Amino acid sequence: MAERLTVGVAARLSRYLQVLTQARKMGKDRISSQEIAEYTNINATQIRRDLSGFGRFGKRGVGYSVDSLLAEIRKILRTQGQHNIALVGAGRLGAAIASSPIFAEHGITIAAVFDNDPVKVGTTLDGVPISSLDELDAIVHDRSIVVGVLAVPAEAAQAAADRLVEAGVKIIFNYTQALIHSPSDVQVHTSNPAVELLYALYFHLT
């Protein structure tokens, strides 16, 4: 088994992946470490050091092939292939998440949507049937889902997370304001744009 990446390297490679994905959408065939640095605010020397640790991907004065580097980083991060996720919450936030093309660009499919509103259950969200939370366990197992996305009101977040954990989900992305408690073998990643903005402002203004 390959050596596990450090948190810092994995985080930087994920940033490079975002830039490369966008560069390909813009029609770019090649990209330099300096260009990646401009989009990520990571030093170009650090970028070359990160990438050289996994092989020779670019040429001095020529840069990197966007497609080749994308494929290599996905392989390093073990993100190649198809990944099914479950979205819990079919409200405005859930609808925005479901309609975003970002997941598909990285081989991620919203394979199931859940909600406790009987008016929404049985309808679809961006082409995916909305199921009752009572069906969560069976559907998660049937569709090999290991990642859950929480897009519910904060007061309902912990209960929804508990249902996901009970179904065997090992990674939860929390788009709510709630603090989620989970077992030690379940990763919870909380996304809060306001906090990220304050973080960026701190380094810009000080």
N, C-alpha and C. Protein backbone atom coordinates (compact mmCIF):
# COMPACT_ATOMS: atom_id res chain seq x y z
N MET A 1 0.84 -1.20 0.00
CA MET A 1 0.00 0.00 0.00
C MET A 1 0.88 1.26 0.00
N ALA A 2 0.50 2.27 -0.79
CA ALA A 2 1.29 3.49 -0.87
C ALA A 2 1.32 4.21 0.47
N GLU A 3 2.42 4.94 0.69
CA GLU A 3 2.55 5.69 1.94
C GLU A 3 1.47 6.76 2.01
N ARG A 4 0.90 6.89 3.19
CA ARG A 4 -0.20 7.85 3.38
C ARG A 4 0.34 9.28 3.31
N LEU A 5 -0.38 10.16 2.64
CA LEU A 5 0.02 11.55 2.52
C LEU A 5 -0.14 12.27 3.85
N THR A 6 0.71 13.27 4.08
CA THR A 6 0.50 14.13 5.24
C THR A 6 -0.71 15.03 4.95
N VAL A 7 -1.29 15.57 6.01
CA VAL A 7 -2.46 16.43 5.84
C VAL A 7 -2.12 17.64 4.97
N GLY A 8 -0.93 18.22 5.18
CA GLY A 8 -0.53 19.40 4.42
C GLY A 8 -0.40 19.12 2.93
N VAL A 9 0.25 18.02 2.58
CA VAL A 9 0.43 17.66 1.17
C VAL A 9 -0.92 17.36 0.53
N ALA A 10 -1.76 16.60 1.22
CA ALA A 10 -3.08 16.25 0.67
C ALA A 10 -3.91 17.51 0.43
N ALA A 11 -3.84 18.46 1.37
CA ALA A 11 -4.60 19.70 1.23
C ALA A 11 -4.11 20.51 0.03
N ARG A 12 -2.78 20.58 -0.15
CA ARG A 12 -2.24 21.34 -1.28
C ARG A 12 -2.56 20.65 -2.61
N LEU A 13 -2.45 19.33 -2.65
CA LEU A 13 -2.78 18.62 -3.89
C LEU A 13 -4.25 18.84 -4.26
N SER A 14 -5.11 18.91 -3.26
CA SER A 14 -6.53 19.17 -3.52
C SER A 14 -6.72 20.55 -4.13
N ARG A 15 -5.93 21.53 -3.66
CA ARG A 15 -5.99 22.87 -4.24
C ARG A 15 -5.52 22.85 -5.70
N TYR A 16 -4.45 22.12 -5.97
CA TYR A 16 -3.95 22.02 -7.34
C TYR A 16 -5.01 21.38 -8.24
N LEU A 17 -5.69 20.39 -7.70
CA LEU A 17 -6.72 19.69 -8.45
C LEU A 17 -7.84 20.65 -8.86
N GLN A 18 -8.22 21.53 -7.94
CA GLN A 18 -9.27 22.51 -8.24
C GLN A 18 -8.84 23.43 -9.38
N VAL A 19 -7.60 23.90 -9.32
CA VAL A 19 -7.09 24.81 -10.36
C VAL A 19 -7.02 24.10 -11.70
N LEU A 20 -6.52 22.87 -11.71
CA LEU A 20 -6.38 22.12 -12.95
C LEU A 20 -7.74 21.82 -13.58
N THR A 21 -8.72 21.51 -12.75
CA THR A 21 -10.06 21.24 -13.26
C THR A 21 -10.63 22.48 -13.95
N GLN A 22 -10.45 23.63 -13.32
CA GLN A 22 -10.94 24.87 -13.90
C GLN A 22 -10.15 25.24 -15.15
N ALA A 23 -8.83 24.99 -15.13
CA ALA A 23 -8.00 25.30 -16.29
C ALA A 23 -8.43 24.48 -17.50
N ARG A 24 -8.76 23.22 -17.28
CA ARG A 24 -9.22 22.38 -18.39
C ARG A 24 -10.54 22.89 -18.95
N LYS A 25 -11.45 23.33 -18.06
CA LYS A 25 -12.73 23.88 -18.51
C LYS A 25 -12.52 25.13 -19.35
N MET A 26 -11.44 25.87 -19.06
CA MET A 26 -11.13 27.09 -19.81
C MET A 26 -10.39 26.80 -21.10
N GLY A 27 -10.11 25.53 -21.36
CA GLY A 27 -9.45 25.15 -22.61
C GLY A 27 -7.94 25.17 -22.58
N LYS A 28 -7.33 25.27 -21.39
CA LYS A 28 -5.88 25.31 -21.30
C LYS A 28 -5.31 23.89 -21.43
N ASP A 29 -4.26 23.75 -22.24
CA ASP A 29 -3.60 22.46 -22.41
C ASP A 29 -2.42 22.29 -21.45
N ARG A 30 -1.76 23.40 -21.16
CA ARG A 30 -0.59 23.35 -20.29
C ARG A 30 -0.68 24.45 -19.24
N ILE A 31 0.02 24.24 -18.12
CA ILE A 31 0.01 25.22 -17.04
C ILE A 31 1.34 25.15 -16.31
N SER A 32 1.83 26.27 -15.87
CA SER A 32 3.12 26.31 -15.17
C SER A 32 2.91 26.33 -13.67
N SER A 33 3.96 26.02 -12.93
CA SER A 33 3.86 26.07 -11.47
C SER A 33 3.59 27.49 -11.01
N GLN A 34 4.10 28.49 -11.76
CA GLN A 34 3.86 29.87 -11.39
C GLN A 34 2.40 30.24 -11.54
N GLU A 35 1.74 29.72 -12.59
CA GLU A 35 0.31 29.98 -12.77
C GLU A 35 -0.50 29.33 -11.66
N ILE A 36 -0.14 28.09 -11.31
CA ILE A 36 -0.84 27.42 -10.21
C ILE A 36 -0.66 28.22 -8.92
N ALA A 37 0.55 28.76 -8.73
CA ALA A 37 0.84 29.55 -7.53
C ALA A 37 -0.04 30.79 -7.46
N GLU A 38 -0.26 31.43 -8.62
CA GLU A 38 -1.07 32.64 -8.64
C GLU A 38 -2.52 32.38 -8.24
N TYR A 39 -3.02 31.19 -8.56
CA TYR A 39 -4.41 30.85 -8.25
C TYR A 39 -4.58 30.27 -6.85
N THR A 40 -3.51 29.75 -6.27
CA THR A 40 -3.63 29.08 -4.97
C THR A 40 -2.95 29.83 -3.83
N ASN A 41 -2.11 30.83 -4.18
CA ASN A 41 -1.30 31.54 -3.17
C ASN A 41 -0.35 30.59 -2.44
N ILE A 42 0.04 29.52 -3.14
CA ILE A 42 1.06 28.60 -2.63
C ILE A 42 2.32 28.85 -3.45
N ASN A 43 3.46 28.97 -2.79
CA ASN A 43 4.72 29.27 -3.46
C ASN A 43 5.01 28.27 -4.58
N ALA A 44 5.48 28.79 -5.73
CA ALA A 44 5.75 27.93 -6.88
C ALA A 44 6.80 26.87 -6.57
N THR A 45 7.78 27.23 -5.74
CA THR A 45 8.80 26.26 -5.35
C THR A 45 8.18 25.12 -4.57
N GLN A 46 7.24 25.44 -3.69
CA GLN A 46 6.54 24.41 -2.91
C GLN A 46 5.73 23.51 -3.84
N ILE A 47 5.10 24.10 -4.84
CA ILE A 47 4.30 23.32 -5.79
C ILE A 47 5.19 22.33 -6.53
N ARG A 48 6.33 22.80 -7.03
CA ARG A 48 7.25 21.90 -7.76
C ARG A 48 7.78 20.81 -6.84
N ARG A 49 8.03 21.17 -5.57
CA ARG A 49 8.53 20.18 -4.61
C ARG A 49 7.46 19.12 -4.34
N ASP A 50 6.21 19.56 -4.17
CA ASP A 50 5.12 18.61 -3.93
C ASP A 50 4.99 17.63 -5.09
N LEU A 51 5.00 18.17 -6.31
CA LEU A 51 4.76 17.33 -7.48
C LEU A 51 5.95 16.43 -7.80
N SER A 52 7.17 16.93 -7.59
CA SER A 52 8.36 16.13 -7.90
C SER A 52 8.49 14.93 -6.97
N GLY A 53 7.82 14.99 -5.83
CA GLY A 53 7.87 13.86 -4.90
C GLY A 53 7.14 12.64 -5.43
N PHE A 54 6.36 12.81 -6.50
CA PHE A 54 5.58 11.70 -7.06
C PHE A 54 6.00 11.35 -8.49
N GLY A 55 7.03 12.02 -9.00
CA GLY A 55 7.49 11.71 -10.36
C GLY A 55 7.78 12.98 -11.13
N ARG A 56 8.16 12.80 -12.40
CA ARG A 56 8.49 13.93 -13.26
C ARG A 56 7.29 14.22 -14.15
N PHE A 57 6.55 15.29 -13.81
CA PHE A 57 5.31 15.59 -14.53
C PHE A 57 5.45 16.74 -15.53
N GLY A 58 6.43 17.61 -15.34
CA GLY A 58 6.54 18.78 -16.19
C GLY A 58 7.95 18.99 -16.70
N LYS A 59 8.11 19.96 -17.62
CA LYS A 59 9.42 20.30 -18.16
C LYS A 59 9.66 21.78 -17.94
N ARG A 60 10.92 22.11 -17.59
CA ARG A 60 11.27 23.51 -17.37
C ARG A 60 11.01 24.32 -18.63
N GLY A 61 10.31 25.42 -18.46
CA GLY A 61 10.01 26.30 -19.59
C GLY A 61 8.80 25.87 -20.40
N VAL A 62 8.28 24.68 -20.12
CA VAL A 62 7.13 24.17 -20.86
C VAL A 62 5.91 24.04 -19.96
N GLY A 63 6.16 23.67 -18.72
CA GLY A 63 5.07 23.51 -17.76
C GLY A 63 4.52 22.11 -17.75
N TYR A 64 3.30 21.99 -17.22
CA TYR A 64 2.67 20.68 -17.05
C TYR A 64 1.52 20.51 -18.03
N SER A 65 1.32 19.30 -18.50
CA SER A 65 0.12 18.98 -19.26
C SER A 65 -1.04 18.95 -18.27
N VAL A 66 -2.06 19.74 -18.53
CA VAL A 66 -3.20 19.84 -17.61
C VAL A 66 -3.88 18.47 -17.45
N ASP A 67 -4.15 17.80 -18.55
CA ASP A 67 -4.84 16.50 -18.48
C ASP A 67 -4.00 15.45 -17.74
N SER A 68 -2.71 15.40 -18.05
CA SER A 68 -1.85 14.39 -17.42
C SER A 68 -1.71 14.64 -15.93
N LEU A 69 -1.52 15.91 -15.57
CA LEU A 69 -1.35 16.23 -14.15
C LEU A 69 -2.64 16.00 -13.37
N LEU A 70 -3.78 16.31 -14.00
CA LEU A 70 -5.07 16.03 -13.37
C LEU A 70 -5.20 14.54 -13.05
N ALA A 71 -4.87 13.70 -14.04
CA ALA A 71 -4.99 12.25 -13.86
C ALA A 71 -4.05 11.76 -12.77
N GLU A 72 -2.83 12.30 -12.73
CA GLU A 72 -1.85 11.85 -11.75
C GLU A 72 -2.26 12.24 -10.33
N ILE A 73 -2.74 13.48 -10.16
CA ILE A 73 -3.14 13.93 -8.82
C ILE A 73 -4.36 13.16 -8.34
N ARG A 74 -5.30 12.88 -9.25
CA ARG A 74 -6.45 12.06 -8.85
C ARG A 74 -6.01 10.68 -8.41
N LYS A 75 -4.99 10.13 -9.09
CA LYS A 75 -4.48 8.82 -8.71
C LYS A 75 -3.81 8.88 -7.35
N ILE A 76 -3.03 9.94 -7.11
CA ILE A 76 -2.34 10.10 -5.83
C ILE A 76 -3.35 10.24 -4.70
N LEU A 77 -4.41 11.03 -4.95
CA LEU A 77 -5.43 11.25 -3.93
C LEU A 77 -6.47 10.12 -3.89
N ARG A 78 -6.30 9.16 -4.78
CA ARG A 78 -7.21 8.00 -4.86
C ARG A 78 -8.65 8.43 -5.11
N THR A 79 -8.81 9.43 -5.98
CA THR A 79 -10.15 9.94 -6.27
C THR A 79 -10.61 9.57 -7.67
N GLN A 80 -9.80 8.78 -8.41
CA GLN A 80 -10.26 8.38 -9.73
C GLN A 80 -11.40 7.37 -9.58
N GLY A 81 -12.23 7.28 -10.60
CA GLY A 81 -13.38 6.37 -10.51
C GLY A 81 -14.63 7.12 -10.11
N GLN A 82 -15.67 6.36 -9.81
CA GLN A 82 -16.98 6.94 -9.48
C GLN A 82 -17.26 6.79 -7.99
N HIS A 83 -17.80 7.85 -7.38
CA HIS A 83 -18.10 7.83 -5.95
C HIS A 83 -19.53 8.28 -5.74
N ASN A 84 -20.30 7.50 -5.00
CA ASN A 84 -21.70 7.82 -4.72
C ASN A 84 -21.83 8.51 -3.36
N ILE A 85 -22.62 9.58 -3.32
CA ILE A 85 -22.85 10.27 -2.07
C ILE A 85 -24.35 10.43 -1.84
N ALA A 86 -24.72 10.63 -0.58
CA ALA A 86 -26.11 10.85 -0.21
C ALA A 86 -26.28 12.30 0.26
N LEU A 87 -27.30 12.96 -0.23
CA LEU A 87 -27.63 14.32 0.17
C LEU A 87 -28.84 14.28 1.09
N VAL A 88 -28.70 14.79 2.29
CA VAL A 88 -29.81 14.84 3.24
C VAL A 88 -30.28 16.28 3.34
N GLY A 89 -31.49 16.53 2.84
CA GLY A 89 -32.04 17.88 2.83
C GLY A 89 -32.33 18.31 1.40
N ALA A 90 -33.59 18.51 1.08
CA ALA A 90 -33.98 18.88 -0.29
C ALA A 90 -34.56 20.29 -0.35
N GLY A 91 -34.13 21.14 0.58
CA GLY A 91 -34.56 22.53 0.57
C GLY A 91 -33.74 23.37 -0.38
N ARG A 92 -33.67 24.67 -0.13
CA ARG A 92 -32.94 25.56 -1.04
C ARG A 92 -31.45 25.23 -1.11
N LEU A 93 -30.85 24.98 0.05
CA LEU A 93 -29.43 24.64 0.05
C LEU A 93 -29.19 23.30 -0.65
N GLY A 94 -30.03 22.32 -0.33
CA GLY A 94 -29.89 21.02 -0.98
C GLY A 94 -30.05 21.12 -2.48
N ALA A 95 -30.99 21.94 -2.93
CA ALA A 95 -31.22 22.13 -4.36
C ALA A 95 -30.00 22.76 -5.03
N ALA A 96 -29.38 23.72 -4.34
CA ALA A 96 -28.18 24.37 -4.89
C ALA A 96 -27.03 23.38 -5.01
N ILE A 97 -26.88 22.53 -4.01
CA ILE A 97 -25.82 21.52 -4.03
C ILE A 97 -26.07 20.52 -5.15
N ALA A 98 -27.31 20.06 -5.26
CA ALA A 98 -27.65 19.05 -6.26
C ALA A 98 -27.47 19.55 -7.68
N SER A 99 -27.71 20.85 -7.90
CA SER A 99 -27.64 21.39 -9.26
C SER A 99 -26.23 21.82 -9.65
N SER A 100 -25.29 21.79 -8.70
CA SER A 100 -23.93 22.21 -9.00
C SER A 100 -23.22 21.16 -9.86
N PRO A 101 -22.49 21.58 -10.89
CA PRO A 101 -21.76 20.62 -11.74
C PRO A 101 -20.44 20.16 -11.13
N ILE A 102 -20.06 20.74 -10.00
CA ILE A 102 -18.74 20.48 -9.42
C ILE A 102 -18.56 19.01 -9.08
N PHE A 103 -19.57 18.37 -8.50
CA PHE A 103 -19.43 16.98 -8.12
C PHE A 103 -19.14 16.10 -9.33
N ALA A 104 -19.93 16.25 -10.38
CA ALA A 104 -19.77 15.41 -11.57
C ALA A 104 -18.39 15.56 -12.19
N GLU A 105 -17.84 16.77 -12.12
CA GLU A 105 -16.51 17.01 -12.69
C GLU A 105 -15.44 16.16 -12.04
N HIS A 106 -15.69 15.73 -10.82
CA HIS A 106 -14.70 14.94 -10.09
C HIS A 106 -15.16 13.49 -9.89
N GLY A 107 -16.10 13.05 -10.71
CA GLY A 107 -16.53 11.66 -10.63
C GLY A 107 -17.39 11.35 -9.43
N ILE A 108 -18.07 12.38 -8.88
CA ILE A 108 -18.92 12.20 -7.70
C ILE A 108 -20.39 12.30 -8.13
N THR A 109 -21.16 11.31 -7.75
CA THR A 109 -22.58 11.27 -8.12
C THR A 109 -23.46 11.36 -6.88
N ILE A 110 -24.42 12.28 -6.91
CA ILE A 110 -25.44 12.31 -5.84
C ILE A 110 -26.39 11.17 -6.16
N ALA A 111 -26.18 10.05 -5.46
CA ALA A 111 -26.92 8.82 -5.77
C ALA A 111 -28.24 8.73 -5.02
N ALA A 112 -28.42 9.56 -4.01
CA ALA A 112 -29.66 9.51 -3.23
C ALA A 112 -29.89 10.85 -2.54
N VAL A 113 -31.15 11.25 -2.45
CA VAL A 113 -31.55 12.46 -1.73
C VAL A 113 -32.62 12.08 -0.72
N PHE A 114 -32.48 12.62 0.49
CA PHE A 114 -33.44 12.29 1.56
C PHE A 114 -34.03 13.57 2.15
N ASP A 115 -35.28 13.48 2.58
CA ASP A 115 -35.92 14.59 3.25
C ASP A 115 -37.07 14.03 4.10
N ASN A 116 -37.42 14.75 5.17
CA ASN A 116 -38.52 14.29 6.02
C ASN A 116 -39.84 15.01 5.72
N ASP A 117 -39.85 15.84 4.67
CA ASP A 117 -41.06 16.55 4.27
C ASP A 117 -41.88 15.65 3.33
N PRO A 118 -43.06 15.19 3.76
CA PRO A 118 -43.86 14.29 2.92
C PRO A 118 -44.25 14.90 1.58
N VAL A 119 -44.27 16.23 1.50
CA VAL A 119 -44.61 16.89 0.23
C VAL A 119 -43.49 16.68 -0.79
N LYS A 120 -42.24 16.61 -0.29
CA LYS A 120 -41.10 16.46 -1.20
C LYS A 120 -40.79 15.01 -1.52
N VAL A 121 -41.06 14.12 -0.57
CA VAL A 121 -40.78 12.69 -0.79
C VAL A 121 -41.60 12.18 -1.97
N GLY A 122 -40.93 11.50 -2.88
CA GLY A 122 -41.60 10.99 -4.07
C GLY A 122 -41.42 11.87 -5.29
N THR A 123 -40.98 13.11 -5.08
CA THR A 123 -40.65 14.00 -6.19
C THR A 123 -39.16 13.82 -6.50
N THR A 124 -38.61 14.67 -7.35
CA THR A 124 -37.19 14.56 -7.69
C THR A 124 -36.47 15.88 -7.44
N LEU A 125 -35.17 15.78 -7.25
CA LEU A 125 -34.31 16.95 -7.10
C LEU A 125 -33.18 16.80 -8.09
N ASP A 126 -33.20 17.64 -9.11
CA ASP A 126 -32.21 17.58 -10.19
C ASP A 126 -32.13 16.16 -10.77
N GLY A 127 -33.28 15.53 -10.92
CA GLY A 127 -33.35 14.22 -11.54
C GLY A 127 -33.19 13.04 -10.60
N VAL A 128 -32.90 13.31 -9.31
CA VAL A 128 -32.71 12.24 -8.34
C VAL A 128 -33.95 12.12 -7.47
N PRO A 129 -34.55 10.95 -7.35
CA PRO A 129 -35.75 10.79 -6.52
C PRO A 129 -35.46 11.15 -5.06
N ILE A 130 -36.41 11.84 -4.43
CA ILE A 130 -36.28 12.19 -3.01
C ILE A 130 -36.96 11.09 -2.20
N SER A 131 -36.18 10.50 -1.30
CA SER A 131 -36.68 9.40 -0.48
C SER A 131 -36.88 9.85 0.96
N SER A 132 -37.68 9.11 1.68
CA SER A 132 -37.90 9.38 3.10
C SER A 132 -36.66 8.97 3.89
N LEU A 133 -36.42 9.64 5.00
CA LEU A 133 -35.30 9.27 5.86
C LEU A 133 -35.46 7.84 6.40
N ASP A 134 -36.69 7.34 6.42
CA ASP A 134 -36.91 5.97 6.88
C ASP A 134 -36.27 4.95 5.94
N GLU A 135 -35.98 5.37 4.70
CA GLU A 135 -35.38 4.47 3.72
C GLU A 135 -33.86 4.61 3.65
N LEU A 136 -33.31 5.50 4.47
CA LEU A 136 -31.89 5.84 4.35
C LEU A 136 -30.98 4.62 4.48
N ASP A 137 -31.18 3.82 5.50
CA ASP A 137 -30.28 2.70 5.75
C ASP A 137 -30.22 1.75 4.56
N ALA A 138 -31.36 1.36 4.06
CA ALA A 138 -31.41 0.40 2.95
C ALA A 138 -30.78 0.97 1.68
N ILE A 139 -31.07 2.24 1.38
CA ILE A 139 -30.56 2.86 0.15
C ILE A 139 -29.05 3.06 0.23
N VAL A 140 -28.54 3.48 1.38
CA VAL A 140 -27.10 3.67 1.55
C VAL A 140 -26.36 2.35 1.29
N HIS A 141 -26.90 1.25 1.80
CA HIS A 141 -26.27 -0.05 1.58
C HIS A 141 -26.40 -0.50 0.12
N ASP A 142 -27.57 -0.33 -0.46
CA ASP A 142 -27.80 -0.78 -1.82
C ASP A 142 -26.94 -0.04 -2.84
N ARG A 143 -26.67 1.24 -2.57
CA ARG A 143 -25.95 2.07 -3.56
C ARG A 143 -24.50 2.32 -3.16
N SER A 144 -23.99 1.57 -2.19
CA SER A 144 -22.58 1.65 -1.78
C SER A 144 -22.15 3.08 -1.48
N ILE A 145 -22.94 3.77 -0.67
CA ILE A 145 -22.67 5.17 -0.32
C ILE A 145 -21.83 5.23 0.96
N VAL A 146 -20.73 5.95 0.92
CA VAL A 146 -19.88 6.10 2.11
C VAL A 146 -19.74 7.56 2.54
N VAL A 147 -20.34 8.48 1.77
CA VAL A 147 -20.25 9.91 2.07
C VAL A 147 -21.66 10.49 2.15
N GLY A 148 -21.93 11.27 3.20
CA GLY A 148 -23.20 11.95 3.34
C GLY A 148 -23.01 13.45 3.41
N VAL A 149 -23.92 14.20 2.80
CA VAL A 149 -23.87 15.66 2.81
C VAL A 149 -25.09 16.18 3.56
N LEU A 150 -24.86 16.98 4.59
CA LEU A 150 -25.95 17.53 5.39
C LEU A 150 -26.33 18.92 4.90
N ALA A 151 -27.58 19.06 4.44
CA ALA A 151 -28.09 20.36 4.01
C ALA A 151 -29.46 20.56 4.65
N VAL A 152 -29.50 20.39 5.96
CA VAL A 152 -30.75 20.46 6.72
C VAL A 152 -30.67 21.63 7.71
N PRO A 153 -31.78 22.02 8.33
CA PRO A 153 -31.72 23.04 9.38
C PRO A 153 -30.78 22.58 10.50
N ALA A 154 -30.13 23.52 11.15
CA ALA A 154 -29.13 23.18 12.18
C ALA A 154 -29.70 22.28 13.27
N GLU A 155 -30.95 22.52 13.63
CA GLU A 155 -31.54 21.74 14.73
C GLU A 155 -31.78 20.28 14.34
N ALA A 156 -31.77 19.99 13.04
CA ALA A 156 -31.99 18.62 12.59
C ALA A 156 -30.69 17.92 12.19
N ALA A 157 -29.57 18.64 12.25
CA ALA A 157 -28.31 18.13 11.72
C ALA A 157 -27.78 16.92 12.47
N GLN A 158 -27.79 16.97 13.82
CA GLN A 158 -27.22 15.86 14.58
C GLN A 158 -28.00 14.57 14.36
N ALA A 159 -29.33 14.67 14.35
CA ALA A 159 -30.15 13.48 14.14
C ALA A 159 -29.89 12.90 12.75
N ALA A 160 -29.75 13.77 11.75
CA ALA A 160 -29.48 13.29 10.39
C ALA A 160 -28.10 12.65 10.32
N ALA A 161 -27.13 13.25 11.00
CA ALA A 161 -25.77 12.68 11.03
C ALA A 161 -25.79 11.31 11.69
N ASP A 162 -26.54 11.19 12.78
CA ASP A 162 -26.63 9.90 13.48
C ASP A 162 -27.21 8.82 12.55
N ARG A 163 -28.21 9.20 11.76
CA ARG A 163 -28.81 8.24 10.83
C ARG A 163 -27.77 7.79 9.79
N LEU A 164 -26.98 8.72 9.30
CA LEU A 164 -25.95 8.39 8.32
C LEU A 164 -24.90 7.46 8.92
N VAL A 165 -24.49 7.76 10.14
CA VAL A 165 -23.48 6.93 10.82
C VAL A 165 -24.03 5.51 11.02
N GLU A 166 -25.26 5.42 11.46
CA GLU A 166 -25.88 4.10 11.68
C GLU A 166 -25.96 3.29 10.39
N ALA A 167 -26.06 3.99 9.26
CA ALA A 167 -26.14 3.32 7.96
C ALA A 167 -24.78 2.92 7.43
N GLY A 168 -23.72 3.36 8.11
CA GLY A 168 -22.37 2.98 7.69
C GLY A 168 -21.58 4.04 6.97
N VAL A 169 -22.11 5.25 6.88
CA VAL A 169 -21.39 6.35 6.23
C VAL A 169 -20.18 6.74 7.07
N LYS A 170 -19.02 6.93 6.42
CA LYS A 170 -17.79 7.21 7.14
C LYS A 170 -17.28 8.65 6.98
N ILE A 171 -17.88 9.39 6.04
CA ILE A 171 -17.48 10.78 5.82
C ILE A 171 -18.75 11.62 5.73
N ILE A 172 -18.80 12.70 6.50
CA ILE A 172 -19.97 13.59 6.49
C ILE A 172 -19.51 15.02 6.19
N PHE A 173 -20.13 15.62 5.18
CA PHE A 173 -19.89 17.03 4.90
C PHE A 173 -21.06 17.81 5.48
N ASN A 174 -20.74 18.68 6.40
CA ASN A 174 -21.75 19.41 7.15
C ASN A 174 -21.86 20.84 6.64
N TYR A 175 -22.96 21.15 5.97
CA TYR A 175 -23.20 22.50 5.47
C TYR A 175 -24.12 23.29 6.40
N THR A 176 -24.26 22.84 7.63
CA THR A 176 -25.11 23.53 8.59
C THR A 176 -24.25 24.28 9.61
N GLN A 177 -24.92 25.01 10.50
CA GLN A 177 -24.21 25.74 11.55
C GLN A 177 -24.02 24.90 12.81
N ALA A 178 -24.50 23.66 12.78
CA ALA A 178 -24.45 22.81 13.98
C ALA A 178 -23.07 22.19 14.17
N LEU A 179 -22.72 21.94 15.43
CA LEU A 179 -21.53 21.17 15.76
C LEU A 179 -21.95 19.71 15.82
N ILE A 180 -21.31 18.88 15.01
CA ILE A 180 -21.72 17.49 14.88
C ILE A 180 -20.80 16.58 15.70
N HIS A 181 -21.41 15.76 16.53
CA HIS A 181 -20.67 14.74 17.27
C HIS A 181 -20.70 13.45 16.46
N SER A 182 -19.56 12.77 16.39
CA SER A 182 -19.51 11.53 15.61
C SER A 182 -18.51 10.58 16.22
N PRO A 183 -18.60 9.28 15.91
CA PRO A 183 -17.61 8.31 16.39
C PRO A 183 -16.22 8.64 15.83
N SER A 184 -15.19 8.12 16.45
CA SER A 184 -13.82 8.45 16.05
C SER A 184 -13.48 7.98 14.64
N ASP A 185 -14.21 6.98 14.13
CA ASP A 185 -13.90 6.48 12.78
C ASP A 185 -14.73 7.16 11.69
N VAL A 186 -15.46 8.21 12.05
CA VAL A 186 -16.26 8.97 11.07
C VAL A 186 -15.70 10.39 10.99
N GLN A 187 -15.35 10.82 9.78
CA GLN A 187 -14.82 12.16 9.57
C GLN A 187 -15.96 13.14 9.29
N VAL A 188 -15.94 14.26 9.99
CA VAL A 188 -16.93 15.31 9.75
C VAL A 188 -16.20 16.55 9.26
N HIS A 189 -16.57 17.04 8.09
CA HIS A 189 -15.98 18.25 7.53
C HIS A 189 -17.07 19.31 7.46
N THR A 190 -16.85 20.42 8.14
CA THR A 190 -17.86 21.48 8.17
C THR A 190 -17.46 22.61 7.24
N SER A 191 -18.39 23.00 6.38
CA SER A 191 -18.14 24.09 5.44
C SER A 191 -18.91 25.32 5.90
N ASN A 192 -18.19 26.40 6.17
CA ASN A 192 -18.82 27.64 6.61
C ASN A 192 -18.19 28.80 5.84
N PRO A 193 -18.83 29.28 4.78
CA PRO A 193 -18.26 30.35 3.96
C PRO A 193 -17.92 31.61 4.75
N ALA A 194 -18.74 31.94 5.75
CA ALA A 194 -18.48 33.16 6.53
C ALA A 194 -17.17 33.05 7.30
N VAL A 195 -16.91 31.89 7.89
CA VAL A 195 -15.66 31.70 8.64
C VAL A 195 -14.48 31.74 7.69
N GLU A 196 -14.62 31.12 6.52
CA GLU A 196 -13.54 31.12 5.54
C GLU A 196 -13.26 32.55 5.05
N LEU A 197 -14.31 33.35 4.91
CA LEU A 197 -14.14 34.74 4.50
C LEU A 197 -13.41 35.53 5.58
N LEU A 198 -13.79 35.34 6.84
CA LEU A 198 -13.10 36.03 7.94
C LEU A 198 -11.64 35.64 8.00
N TYR A 199 -11.35 34.36 7.74
CA TYR A 199 -9.96 33.88 7.72
C TYR A 199 -9.17 34.60 6.63
N ALA A 200 -9.78 34.72 5.43
CA ALA A 200 -9.11 35.40 4.32
C ALA A 200 -8.91 36.88 4.63
N LEU A 201 -9.93 37.52 5.22
CA LEU A 201 -9.82 38.94 5.56
C LEU A 201 -8.72 39.19 6.58
N TYR A 202 -8.58 38.28 7.54
CA TYR A 202 -7.55 38.44 8.57
C TYR A 202 -6.17 38.56 7.93
N PHE A 203 -5.86 37.66 6.99
CA PHE A 203 -4.53 37.66 6.38
C PHE A 203 -4.37 38.78 5.37
N HIS A 204 -5.49 39.30 4.84
CA HIS A 204 -5.41 40.40 3.88
C HIS A 204 -5.25 41.74 4.59
N LEU A 205 -5.87 41.86 5.77
CA LEU A 205 -5.90 43.16 6.44
C LEU A 205 -4.83 43.32 7.51
N THR A 206 -4.10 42.24 7.83
CA THR A 206 -3.08 42.34 8.89
C THR A 206 -1.69 42.11 8.32
